[in-house]
């Protein structure tokens, strides 16, 4: 008798604790920083998922538009996650470890991101 039950395995990038320690970007204004802290748990999760997706694309990489289409998100949500994954941080905060990089090559007019 075989079981149809399958255990959930999180994407590889979700096991990287550094992805969850990063704060989402915010301006040095109370309301912006409060909003960033409020969405922090979700942004860490989706940043990890986006990095894992880009890793799964191998050397072909993925454009911002491809990431948007894959996850069904708007560019307004994807761009900050890509910015964070590139190792950027808000002014006055320590830089992050880069997990992806934006290459010089373009596909369909958009820059291609690849995993480091």
N, C-alpha and C. Protein backbone atom coordinates (compact mmCIF):
# COMPACT_ATOMS: atom_id res chain seq x y z
N UNK A 1 0.85 -1.16 0.00
CA UNK A 1 0.00 0.00 0.00
C UNK A 1 0.91 1.25 0.00
N UNK A 2 0.77 2.06 -0.99
CA UNK A 2 1.62 3.27 -1.06
C UNK A 2 0.84 4.48 -0.56
N UNK A 3 1.56 5.35 0.07
CA UNK A 3 0.95 6.56 0.62
C UNK A 3 1.06 7.69 -0.39
N UNK A 4 0.02 8.48 -0.51
CA UNK A 4 0.05 9.62 -1.41
C UNK A 4 0.56 10.86 -0.71
N UNK A 5 0.82 10.76 0.57
CA UNK A 5 1.29 11.89 1.35
C UNK A 5 2.72 12.25 0.96
N UNK A 6 2.95 13.51 0.69
CA UNK A 6 4.30 13.98 0.37
C UNK A 6 4.66 15.08 1.36
N UNK A 7 5.84 15.00 1.91
CA UNK A 7 6.29 16.02 2.85
C UNK A 7 6.67 17.28 2.10
N UNK A 8 6.32 18.41 2.70
CA UNK A 8 6.68 19.71 2.13
C UNK A 8 8.17 19.93 2.26
N UNK A 9 8.80 20.30 1.17
CA UNK A 9 10.21 20.68 1.19
C UNK A 9 10.30 22.12 0.73
N UNK A 10 10.76 23.03 1.62
CA UNK A 10 10.85 24.43 1.21
C UNK A 10 11.90 24.60 0.12
N UNK A 11 11.75 25.62 -0.72
CA UNK A 11 12.77 25.89 -1.73
C UNK A 11 14.13 26.04 -1.05
N UNK A 12 15.18 25.70 -1.76
CA UNK A 12 16.54 25.75 -1.21
C UNK A 12 16.85 27.09 -0.55
N UNK A 13 16.48 28.18 -1.19
CA UNK A 13 16.83 29.50 -0.66
C UNK A 13 16.13 29.78 0.67
N UNK A 14 15.01 29.12 0.95
CA UNK A 14 14.30 29.38 2.20
C UNK A 14 15.09 28.88 3.40
N UNK A 15 16.05 28.00 3.18
CA UNK A 15 16.85 27.50 4.29
C UNK A 15 18.01 28.43 4.64
N UNK A 16 18.20 29.51 3.89
CA UNK A 16 19.27 30.46 4.15
C UNK A 16 18.78 31.49 5.16
N UNK A 17 19.25 31.42 6.42
CA UNK A 17 18.74 32.33 7.44
C UNK A 17 19.05 33.79 7.17
N UNK A 18 20.09 34.10 6.40
CA UNK A 18 20.43 35.50 6.14
C UNK A 18 19.32 36.21 5.37
N UNK A 19 18.53 35.47 4.60
CA UNK A 19 17.44 36.08 3.85
C UNK A 19 16.36 36.61 4.79
N UNK A 20 16.22 36.03 5.96
CA UNK A 20 15.17 36.43 6.89
C UNK A 20 15.63 37.52 7.84
N UNK A 21 16.93 37.75 7.93
CA UNK A 21 17.46 38.78 8.81
C UNK A 21 17.43 40.15 8.16
N UNK A 22 17.27 40.20 6.87
CA UNK A 22 17.32 41.46 6.15
C UNK A 22 16.02 42.23 6.33
N UNK A 23 16.16 43.51 6.61
CA UNK A 23 14.99 44.38 6.72
C UNK A 23 14.59 44.85 5.34
N UNK A 24 13.29 45.01 5.08
CA UNK A 24 12.87 45.58 3.80
C UNK A 24 13.29 47.03 3.71
N UNK A 25 13.49 47.55 2.51
CA UNK A 25 13.91 48.94 2.37
C UNK A 25 12.85 49.90 2.88
N UNK A 26 13.32 51.01 3.41
CA UNK A 26 12.40 52.06 3.87
C UNK A 26 13.15 53.38 3.89
N UNK A 27 12.40 54.45 3.83
CA UNK A 27 12.99 55.79 3.95
C UNK A 27 13.16 56.09 5.44
N UNK A 28 14.03 57.02 5.76
CA UNK A 28 14.28 57.37 7.17
C UNK A 28 13.16 58.25 7.71
N UNK A 29 11.95 57.75 7.63
CA UNK A 29 10.74 58.44 8.12
C UNK A 29 9.97 57.42 8.95
N UNK A 30 9.43 57.85 10.07
CA UNK A 30 8.75 56.92 10.98
C UNK A 30 7.71 56.05 10.27
N UNK A 31 6.85 56.65 9.46
CA UNK A 31 5.78 55.89 8.84
C UNK A 31 6.32 54.85 7.86
N UNK A 32 7.38 55.22 7.13
CA UNK A 32 7.98 54.28 6.18
C UNK A 32 8.62 53.11 6.91
N UNK A 33 9.34 53.41 7.98
CA UNK A 33 10.00 52.34 8.73
C UNK A 33 8.98 51.44 9.44
N UNK A 34 7.89 52.01 9.92
CA UNK A 34 6.84 51.22 10.54
C UNK A 34 6.21 50.28 9.52
N UNK A 35 5.93 50.79 8.33
CA UNK A 35 5.35 49.97 7.27
C UNK A 35 6.31 48.86 6.86
N UNK A 36 7.60 49.16 6.76
CA UNK A 36 8.59 48.15 6.39
C UNK A 36 8.63 47.03 7.42
N UNK A 37 8.58 47.37 8.68
CA UNK A 37 8.60 46.35 9.73
C UNK A 37 7.32 45.50 9.71
N UNK A 38 6.22 46.11 9.34
CA UNK A 38 4.95 45.38 9.30
C UNK A 38 4.95 44.30 8.22
N UNK A 39 5.57 44.58 7.09
CA UNK A 39 5.59 43.61 5.98
C UNK A 39 6.84 42.73 6.00
N UNK A 40 7.73 42.95 6.95
CA UNK A 40 9.00 42.22 7.00
C UNK A 40 8.85 40.70 6.85
N UNK A 41 7.97 40.02 7.60
CA UNK A 41 7.88 38.57 7.45
C UNK A 41 7.53 38.11 6.04
N UNK A 42 6.65 38.83 5.37
CA UNK A 42 6.28 38.45 3.99
C UNK A 42 7.41 38.72 3.02
N UNK A 43 8.08 39.86 3.16
CA UNK A 43 9.13 40.19 2.20
C UNK A 43 10.28 39.21 2.30
N UNK A 44 10.62 38.78 3.49
CA UNK A 44 11.70 37.81 3.65
C UNK A 44 11.36 36.51 2.95
N UNK A 45 10.14 36.05 3.12
CA UNK A 45 9.70 34.81 2.46
C UNK A 45 9.75 34.94 0.94
N UNK A 46 9.18 36.02 0.41
CA UNK A 46 9.12 36.16 -1.04
C UNK A 46 10.49 36.48 -1.64
N UNK A 47 11.34 37.18 -0.91
CA UNK A 47 12.71 37.40 -1.38
C UNK A 47 13.40 36.05 -1.57
N UNK A 48 13.23 35.16 -0.60
CA UNK A 48 13.82 33.82 -0.68
C UNK A 48 13.25 33.04 -1.86
N UNK A 49 11.94 33.12 -2.06
CA UNK A 49 11.31 32.41 -3.19
C UNK A 49 11.81 32.95 -4.52
N UNK A 50 11.95 34.27 -4.64
CA UNK A 50 12.42 34.88 -5.88
C UNK A 50 13.86 34.48 -6.16
N UNK A 51 14.71 34.50 -5.13
CA UNK A 51 16.10 34.08 -5.31
C UNK A 51 16.15 32.62 -5.75
N UNK A 52 15.33 31.78 -5.13
CA UNK A 52 15.30 30.36 -5.49
C UNK A 52 14.85 30.18 -6.94
N UNK A 53 13.86 30.97 -7.37
CA UNK A 53 13.41 30.89 -8.76
C UNK A 53 14.53 31.27 -9.72
N UNK A 54 15.24 32.35 -9.42
CA UNK A 54 16.33 32.79 -10.29
C UNK A 54 17.43 31.72 -10.33
N UNK A 55 17.71 31.10 -9.17
CA UNK A 55 18.69 30.01 -9.14
C UNK A 55 18.24 28.86 -10.03
N UNK A 56 16.94 28.56 -10.00
CA UNK A 56 16.42 27.45 -10.79
C UNK A 56 16.52 27.71 -12.30
N UNK A 57 16.66 28.98 -12.67
CA UNK A 57 16.79 29.33 -14.09
C UNK A 57 18.21 29.13 -14.61
N UNK A 58 19.14 28.84 -13.71
CA UNK A 58 20.52 28.59 -14.10
C UNK A 58 21.17 29.80 -14.75
N UNK A 59 22.06 29.53 -15.70
CA UNK A 59 22.79 30.60 -16.37
C UNK A 59 21.89 31.45 -17.27
N UNK A 60 20.74 30.93 -17.64
CA UNK A 60 19.80 31.70 -18.46
C UNK A 60 19.28 32.89 -17.67
N UNK A 61 19.13 32.71 -16.34
CA UNK A 61 18.64 33.79 -15.49
C UNK A 61 17.18 34.11 -15.75
N UNK A 62 16.75 35.21 -15.17
CA UNK A 62 15.35 35.64 -15.31
C UNK A 62 15.30 37.16 -15.30
N UNK A 63 14.41 37.71 -16.09
CA UNK A 63 14.20 39.15 -16.09
C UNK A 63 13.16 39.50 -15.02
N UNK A 64 13.08 40.79 -14.71
CA UNK A 64 12.07 41.24 -13.75
C UNK A 64 10.68 40.82 -14.22
N UNK A 65 10.41 40.98 -15.50
CA UNK A 65 9.08 40.63 -16.04
C UNK A 65 8.80 39.14 -15.88
N UNK A 66 9.82 38.31 -16.10
CA UNK A 66 9.64 36.87 -15.96
C UNK A 66 9.34 36.50 -14.51
N UNK A 67 10.00 37.17 -13.57
CA UNK A 67 9.73 36.94 -12.15
C UNK A 67 8.30 37.37 -11.83
N UNK A 68 7.89 38.53 -12.33
CA UNK A 68 6.53 39.01 -12.11
C UNK A 68 5.50 38.00 -12.62
N UNK A 69 5.72 37.51 -13.84
CA UNK A 69 4.78 36.56 -14.43
C UNK A 69 4.77 35.23 -13.68
N UNK A 70 5.94 34.78 -13.27
CA UNK A 70 6.02 33.49 -12.57
C UNK A 70 5.23 33.51 -11.27
N UNK A 71 5.34 34.60 -10.52
CA UNK A 71 4.69 34.68 -9.21
C UNK A 71 3.35 35.42 -9.24
N UNK A 72 3.06 36.12 -10.33
CA UNK A 72 1.82 36.87 -10.41
C UNK A 72 1.84 38.16 -9.60
N UNK A 73 3.03 38.75 -9.44
CA UNK A 73 3.19 39.99 -8.69
C UNK A 73 3.38 41.17 -9.63
N UNK A 74 3.12 42.36 -9.11
CA UNK A 74 3.40 43.57 -9.88
C UNK A 74 4.87 43.92 -9.74
N UNK A 75 5.35 44.74 -10.63
CA UNK A 75 6.73 45.21 -10.57
C UNK A 75 7.01 45.98 -9.29
N UNK A 76 5.99 46.63 -8.74
CA UNK A 76 6.17 47.40 -7.51
C UNK A 76 6.52 46.50 -6.32
N UNK A 77 6.18 45.24 -6.39
CA UNK A 77 6.54 44.30 -5.33
C UNK A 77 7.84 43.57 -5.66
N UNK A 78 8.04 43.24 -6.92
CA UNK A 78 9.22 42.46 -7.34
C UNK A 78 10.49 43.30 -7.30
N UNK A 79 10.44 44.54 -7.79
CA UNK A 79 11.66 45.37 -7.84
C UNK A 79 12.36 45.50 -6.49
N UNK A 80 11.66 45.81 -5.40
CA UNK A 80 12.36 45.90 -4.11
C UNK A 80 12.98 44.57 -3.67
N UNK A 81 12.32 43.44 -3.96
CA UNK A 81 12.88 42.14 -3.58
C UNK A 81 14.15 41.86 -4.38
N UNK A 82 14.17 42.24 -5.66
CA UNK A 82 15.39 42.08 -6.47
C UNK A 82 16.49 42.99 -5.95
N UNK A 83 16.13 44.22 -5.62
CA UNK A 83 17.08 45.21 -5.10
C UNK A 83 17.73 44.68 -3.83
N UNK A 84 16.92 44.12 -2.93
CA UNK A 84 17.43 43.55 -1.69
C UNK A 84 18.35 42.36 -1.97
N UNK A 85 17.92 41.49 -2.87
CA UNK A 85 18.71 40.28 -3.18
C UNK A 85 20.03 40.62 -3.87
N UNK A 86 20.11 41.80 -4.49
CA UNK A 86 21.37 42.24 -5.08
C UNK A 86 22.38 42.70 -4.03
N UNK A 87 21.94 42.80 -2.78
CA UNK A 87 22.83 43.19 -1.70
C UNK A 87 22.69 44.64 -1.28
N UNK A 88 21.72 45.32 -1.83
CA UNK A 88 21.51 46.73 -1.46
C UNK A 88 20.81 46.85 -0.12
N UNK A 89 20.99 47.98 0.51
CA UNK A 89 20.35 48.26 1.80
C UNK A 89 20.01 49.75 1.85
N UNK A 90 18.99 50.11 2.63
CA UNK A 90 18.67 51.52 2.79
C UNK A 90 19.87 52.30 3.33
N UNK A 91 19.93 53.57 3.05
CA UNK A 91 21.04 54.42 3.50
C UNK A 91 21.21 54.30 5.01
N UNK A 92 22.46 54.21 5.43
CA UNK A 92 22.76 54.14 6.85
C UNK A 92 22.68 52.75 7.44
N UNK A 93 22.34 51.76 6.63
CA UNK A 93 22.27 50.38 7.12
C UNK A 93 23.37 49.57 6.44
N UNK A 94 23.83 48.51 7.09
CA UNK A 94 24.89 47.71 6.48
C UNK A 94 24.44 47.05 5.18
N UNK A 95 25.38 46.91 4.25
CA UNK A 95 25.07 46.24 3.00
C UNK A 95 24.73 44.78 3.27
N UNK A 96 23.95 44.21 2.39
CA UNK A 96 23.55 42.82 2.50
C UNK A 96 24.50 41.95 1.67
N UNK A 97 24.52 40.67 1.92
CA UNK A 97 25.29 39.75 1.08
C UNK A 97 24.53 39.59 -0.23
N UNK A 98 25.16 39.89 -1.38
CA UNK A 98 24.45 39.75 -2.66
C UNK A 98 24.20 38.28 -2.98
N UNK A 99 22.99 37.98 -3.44
CA UNK A 99 22.61 36.62 -3.80
C UNK A 99 22.37 36.49 -5.30
N UNK A 100 22.10 37.63 -5.94
CA UNK A 100 21.90 37.67 -7.39
C UNK A 100 22.65 38.88 -7.93
N UNK A 101 22.82 38.90 -9.24
CA UNK A 101 23.39 40.09 -9.87
C UNK A 101 22.66 40.36 -11.18
N UNK A 102 22.61 41.64 -11.53
CA UNK A 102 21.98 42.05 -12.77
C UNK A 102 23.06 42.08 -13.83
N UNK A 103 22.91 41.28 -14.85
CA UNK A 103 23.91 41.22 -15.91
C UNK A 103 23.72 42.33 -16.93
N UNK A 104 24.68 42.45 -17.83
CA UNK A 104 24.61 43.46 -18.88
C UNK A 104 23.69 43.02 -20.01
N UNK A 105 23.52 41.71 -20.16
CA UNK A 105 22.69 41.18 -21.24
C UNK A 105 21.21 41.48 -20.98
N UNK A 106 20.46 41.57 -22.09
CA UNK A 106 19.02 41.82 -22.00
C UNK A 106 18.26 40.76 -22.76
N UNK A 107 17.04 40.51 -22.31
CA UNK A 107 16.11 39.63 -23.02
C UNK A 107 14.79 40.37 -23.08
N UNK A 108 14.25 40.53 -24.26
CA UNK A 108 13.01 41.29 -24.45
C UNK A 108 13.10 42.69 -23.87
N UNK A 109 14.28 43.30 -23.96
CA UNK A 109 14.48 44.67 -23.51
C UNK A 109 14.71 44.83 -22.02
N UNK A 110 14.75 43.72 -21.29
CA UNK A 110 14.93 43.80 -19.83
C UNK A 110 16.23 43.13 -19.42
N UNK A 111 16.88 43.68 -18.39
CA UNK A 111 18.12 43.12 -17.87
C UNK A 111 17.86 41.75 -17.24
N UNK A 112 18.85 40.90 -17.31
CA UNK A 112 18.71 39.52 -16.82
C UNK A 112 19.42 39.40 -15.47
N UNK A 113 18.73 38.83 -14.50
CA UNK A 113 19.30 38.56 -13.18
C UNK A 113 19.74 37.10 -13.14
N UNK A 114 20.92 36.86 -12.58
CA UNK A 114 21.41 35.50 -12.38
C UNK A 114 21.86 35.34 -10.94
N UNK A 115 21.81 34.10 -10.45
CA UNK A 115 22.25 33.82 -9.08
C UNK A 115 23.77 33.88 -9.02
N UNK A 116 24.28 34.26 -7.87
CA UNK A 116 25.73 34.32 -7.66
C UNK A 116 26.18 32.98 -7.11
